[in-house]
C-alpha atoms as a PDB file:
ATOM      1  CA  MET A   1      -5.112   7.520 -13.737  1.00  0.00           C
ATOM      2  CA  THR A   2      -5.088   8.206 -10.019  1.00  0.00           C
ATOM      3  CA  LEU A   3      -2.705   6.920  -7.396  1.00  0.00           C
ATOM      4  CA  GLU A   4      -5.530   4.796  -5.997  1.00  0.00           C
ATOM      5  CA  THR A   5      -6.222   3.183  -9.367  1.00  0.00           C
ATOM      6  CA  ASP A   6      -2.539   2.566 -10.061  1.00  0.00           C
ATOM      7  CA  LEU A   7      -1.946   1.103  -6.585  1.00  0.00           C
ATOM      8  CA  TYR A   8      -4.987  -1.166  -6.883  1.00  0.00           C
ATOM      9  CA  THR A   9      -3.761  -2.375 -10.279  1.00  0.00           C
ATOM     10  CA  ALA A  10      -0.272  -3.094  -8.923  1.00  0.00           C
ATOM     11  CA  LEU A  11      -1.512  -5.053  -5.878  1.00  0.00           C
ATOM     12  CA  ARG A  12      -4.803  -6.726  -6.869  1.00  0.00           C
ATOM     13  CA  GLY A  13      -3.218  -9.885  -8.257  1.00  0.00           C
ATOM     14  CA  LEU A  14      -1.559 -10.653  -4.912  1.00  0.00           C
ATOM     15  CA  VAL A  15      -4.865 -11.018  -3.041  1.00  0.00           C
ATOM     16  CA  SER A  16      -7.568 -11.809  -5.620  1.00  0.00           C
ATOM     17  CA  ASP A  17      -8.680  -8.149  -5.924  1.00  0.00           C
ATOM     18  CA  ARG A  18      -9.035  -7.669  -2.127  1.00  0.00           C
ATOM     19  CA  VAL A  19      -7.338  -4.240  -1.955  1.00  0.00           C
ATOM     20  CA  TYR A  20      -9.188  -1.480  -0.064  1.00  0.00           C
ATOM     21  CA  PRO A  21      -8.605   2.170   0.794  1.00  0.00           C
ATOM     22  CA  ASP A  22      -8.613   2.729   4.578  1.00  0.00           C
ATOM     23  CA  VAL A  23     -10.501  -0.370   5.808  1.00  0.00           C
ATOM     24  CA  ALA A  24     -11.832  -3.647   4.446  1.00  0.00           C
ATOM     25  CA  PRO A  25     -15.361  -4.925   5.060  1.00  0.00           C
ATOM     26  CA  LEU A  26     -15.538  -7.143   8.175  1.00  0.00           C
ATOM     27  CA  SER A  27     -16.405 -10.236   6.170  1.00  0.00           C
ATOM     28  CA  THR A  28     -13.412  -9.920   3.807  1.00  0.00           C
ATOM     29  CA  PRO A  29     -11.569 -13.232   3.350  1.00  0.00           C
ATOM     30  CA  ARG A  30      -7.889 -13.225   4.226  1.00  0.00           C
ATOM     31  CA  PRO A  31      -5.372 -12.311   3.033  1.00  0.00           C
ATOM     32  CA  TYR A  32      -6.196  -8.763   2.012  1.00  0.00           C
ATOM     33  CA  ILE A  33      -4.544  -5.359   1.683  1.00  0.00           C
ATOM     34  CA  THR A  34      -5.560  -1.914   2.915  1.00  0.00           C
ATOM     35  CA  TYR A  35      -3.811   1.404   2.393  1.00  0.00           C
ATOM     36  CA  GLN A  36      -3.967   5.012   3.550  1.00  0.00           C
ATOM     37  CA  LYS A  37      -2.381   8.212   2.307  1.00  0.00           C
ATOM     38  CA  VAL A  38      -0.460   9.570   5.282  1.00  0.00           C
ATOM     39  CA  GLY A  39       1.165  12.670   3.808  1.00  0.00           C
ATOM     40  CA  GLY A  40       3.607  13.277   1.022  1.00  0.00           C
ATOM     41  CA  THR A  41       5.928  15.748  -0.605  1.00  0.00           C
ATOM     42  CA  THR A  42       4.851  18.674  -2.729  1.00  0.00           C
ATOM     43  CA  ALA A  43       6.563  19.807  -5.898  1.00  0.00           C
ATOM     44  CA  ASN A  44       6.328  23.412  -7.023  1.00  0.00           C
ATOM     45  CA  PHE A  45       7.873  25.253  -9.950  1.00  0.00           C
ATOM     46  CA  LEU A  46       8.807  28.935 -10.085  1.00  0.00           C
ATOM     47  CA  GLU A  47       6.993  29.142 -13.427  1.00  0.00           C
ATOM     48  CA  SER A  48       3.622  28.641 -11.638  1.00  0.00           C
ATOM     49  CA  VAL A  49       2.659  25.577 -13.665  1.00  0.00           C
ATOM     50  CA  VAL A  50       0.669  22.566 -12.594  1.00  0.00           C
ATOM     51  CA  VAL A  51       2.948  19.698 -11.631  1.00  0.00           C
ATOM     52  CA  PRO A  52       2.109  16.659 -13.792  1.00  0.00           C
ATOM     53  CA  LYS A  53       2.764  14.121 -11.022  1.00  0.00           C
ATOM     54  CA  THR A  54       1.823  14.075  -7.353  1.00  0.00           C
ATOM     55  CA  ASN A  55       3.509  12.409  -4.431  1.00  0.00           C
ATOM     56  CA  ALA A  56       1.941  10.613  -1.515  1.00  0.00           C
ATOM     57  CA  ARG A  57       3.350   8.850   1.484  1.00  0.00           C
ATOM     58  CA  VAL A  58       1.248   5.696   1.559  1.00  0.00           C
ATOM     59  CA  GLN A  59       0.988   3.228   4.406  1.00  0.00           C
ATOM     60  CA  VAL A  60       0.217  -0.187   2.984  1.00  0.00           C
ATOM     61  CA  ASN A  61      -1.157  -2.788   5.374  1.00  0.00           C
ATOM     62  CA  CYS A  62      -1.526  -6.486   4.754  1.00  0.00           C
ATOM     63  CA  TRP A  63      -3.641  -8.871   6.801  1.00  0.00           C
ATOM     64  CA  ALA A  64      -3.494 -12.666   7.016  1.00  0.00           C
ATOM     65  CA  ASP A  65      -4.205 -15.649   9.264  1.00  0.00           C
ATOM     66  CA  THR A  66      -0.575 -16.152  10.364  1.00  0.00           C
ATOM     67  CA  ARG A  67       2.559 -14.086  10.978  1.00  0.00           C
ATOM     68  CA  LEU A  68       4.419 -15.994   8.249  1.00  0.00           C
ATOM     69  CA  ALA A  69       1.658 -15.363   5.715  1.00  0.00           C
ATOM     70  CA  SER A  70       1.556 -11.610   6.440  1.00  0.00           C
ATOM     71  CA  ALA A  71       5.376 -11.359   6.208  1.00  0.00           C
ATOM     72  CA  ALA A  72       5.427 -13.186   2.870  1.00  0.00           C
ATOM     73  CA  LEU A  73       2.655 -10.981   1.499  1.00  0.00           C
ATOM     74  CA  MET A  74       4.426  -7.781   2.556  1.00  0.00           C
ATOM     75  CA  LYS A  75       7.539  -8.879   0.635  1.00  0.00           C
ATOM     76  CA  GLN A  76       5.362  -9.324  -2.458  1.00  0.00           C
ATOM     77  CA  ILE A  77       3.728  -5.922  -1.908  1.00  0.00           C
ATOM     78  CA  GLU A  78       7.111  -4.213  -1.661  1.00  0.00           C
ATOM     79  CA  ALA A  79       8.298  -5.868  -4.872  1.00  0.00           C
ATOM     80  CA  ALA A  80       5.074  -4.953  -6.700  1.00  0.00           C
ATOM     81  CA  ILE A  81       5.292  -1.279  -5.715  1.00  0.00           C
ATOM     82  CA  VAL A  82       9.020  -0.848  -6.358  1.00  0.00           C
ATOM     83  CA  THR A  83       8.951  -2.594  -9.756  1.00  0.00           C
ATOM     84  CA  SER A  84       5.650  -1.134 -11.000  1.00  0.00           C
ATOM     85  CA  THR A  85       5.883   0.654 -14.350  1.00  0.00           C
ATOM     86  CA  THR A  86       3.039   3.036 -13.445  1.00  0.00           C
ATOM     87  CA  LEU A  87       4.064   3.871  -9.871  1.00  0.00           C
ATOM     88  CA  ARG A  88       7.399   5.368  -8.932  1.00  0.00           C
ATOM     89  CA  GLY A  89       7.475   3.755  -5.511  1.00  0.00           C
ATOM     90  CA  PHE A  90      10.242   3.994  -2.938  1.00  0.00           C
ATOM     91  CA  VAL A  91      10.479   2.170   0.386  1.00  0.00           C
ATOM     92  CA  LEU A  92      10.465   4.577   3.342  1.00  0.00           C
ATOM     93  CA  SER A  93      10.426   2.124   6.244  1.00  0.00           C
ATOM     94  CA  ARG A  94      10.702  -1.520   7.144  1.00  0.00           C
ATOM     95  CA  PRO A  95       7.473  -3.344   8.048  1.00  0.00           C
ATOM     96  CA  ILE A  96       5.881  -3.081  11.471  1.00  0.00           C
ATOM     97  CA  CYS A  97       4.193  -6.284  12.680  1.00  0.00           C
ATOM     98  CA  VAL A  98       0.826  -6.187  14.453  1.00  0.00           C
ATOM     99  CA  HIS A  99      -1.719  -8.621  15.851  1.00  0.00           C
ATOM    100  CA  GLU A 100      -5.406  -7.911  16.354  1.00  0.00           C
ATOM    101  CA  ASP A 101      -6.504 -10.147  19.234  1.00  0.00           C
ATOM    102  CA  GLU A 102     -10.259  -9.801  18.766  1.00  0.00           C
ATOM    103  CA  LEU A 103     -10.130 -10.915  15.133  1.00  0.00           C
ATOM    104  CA  SER A 104      -7.098 -13.225  15.456  1.00  0.00           C
ATOM    105  CA  LEU A 105      -5.575 -11.268  12.606  1.00  0.00           C
ATOM    106  CA  TYR A 106      -1.882 -10.830  11.796  1.00  0.00           C
ATOM    107  CA  GLY A 107      -0.670  -7.837   9.855  1.00  0.00           C
ATOM    108  CA  GLU A 108       2.255  -5.776   8.676  1.00  0.00           C
ATOM    109  CA  PHE A 109       2.401  -2.047   7.930  1.00  0.00           C
ATOM    110  CA  GLN A 110       4.960  -0.434   5.638  1.00  0.00           C
ATOM    111  CA  ASP A 111       5.361   3.129   4.299  1.00  0.00           C
ATOM    112  CA  PHE A 112       6.166   4.013   0.696  1.00  0.00           C
ATOM    113  CA  SER A 113       6.717   7.238  -1.196  1.00  0.00           C
ATOM    114  CA  ILE A 114       4.758   6.996  -4.444  1.00  0.00           C
ATOM    115  CA  TRP A 115       4.702   9.376  -7.407  1.00  0.00           C
ATOM    116  CA  SER A 116       1.858   9.018  -9.865  1.00  0.00           C
END
């Protein structure tokens, strides 16, 4: 499986399958989750073999109608990633809170290191 598939599987139950790479459609009901790969670490072996797992730094974003709802969802996201049996996820940062005035949308961003 791919990191995207594994991440979707780990998070889909939190938001009724509303998990999207990069951006969600404008009409998406809240709450929902988006994510982006924002780098990662490479692993190389002196034996010149293909590494069986890859790493990505992933920014996971959650969006909701209220600050409290987005904060609660981000706690669930963190737990889902860290305890996943298919992802080896590690927390890299604490959440950053945001508000989108035009859409009256509350969100939180958090970075994870994920091996899959």
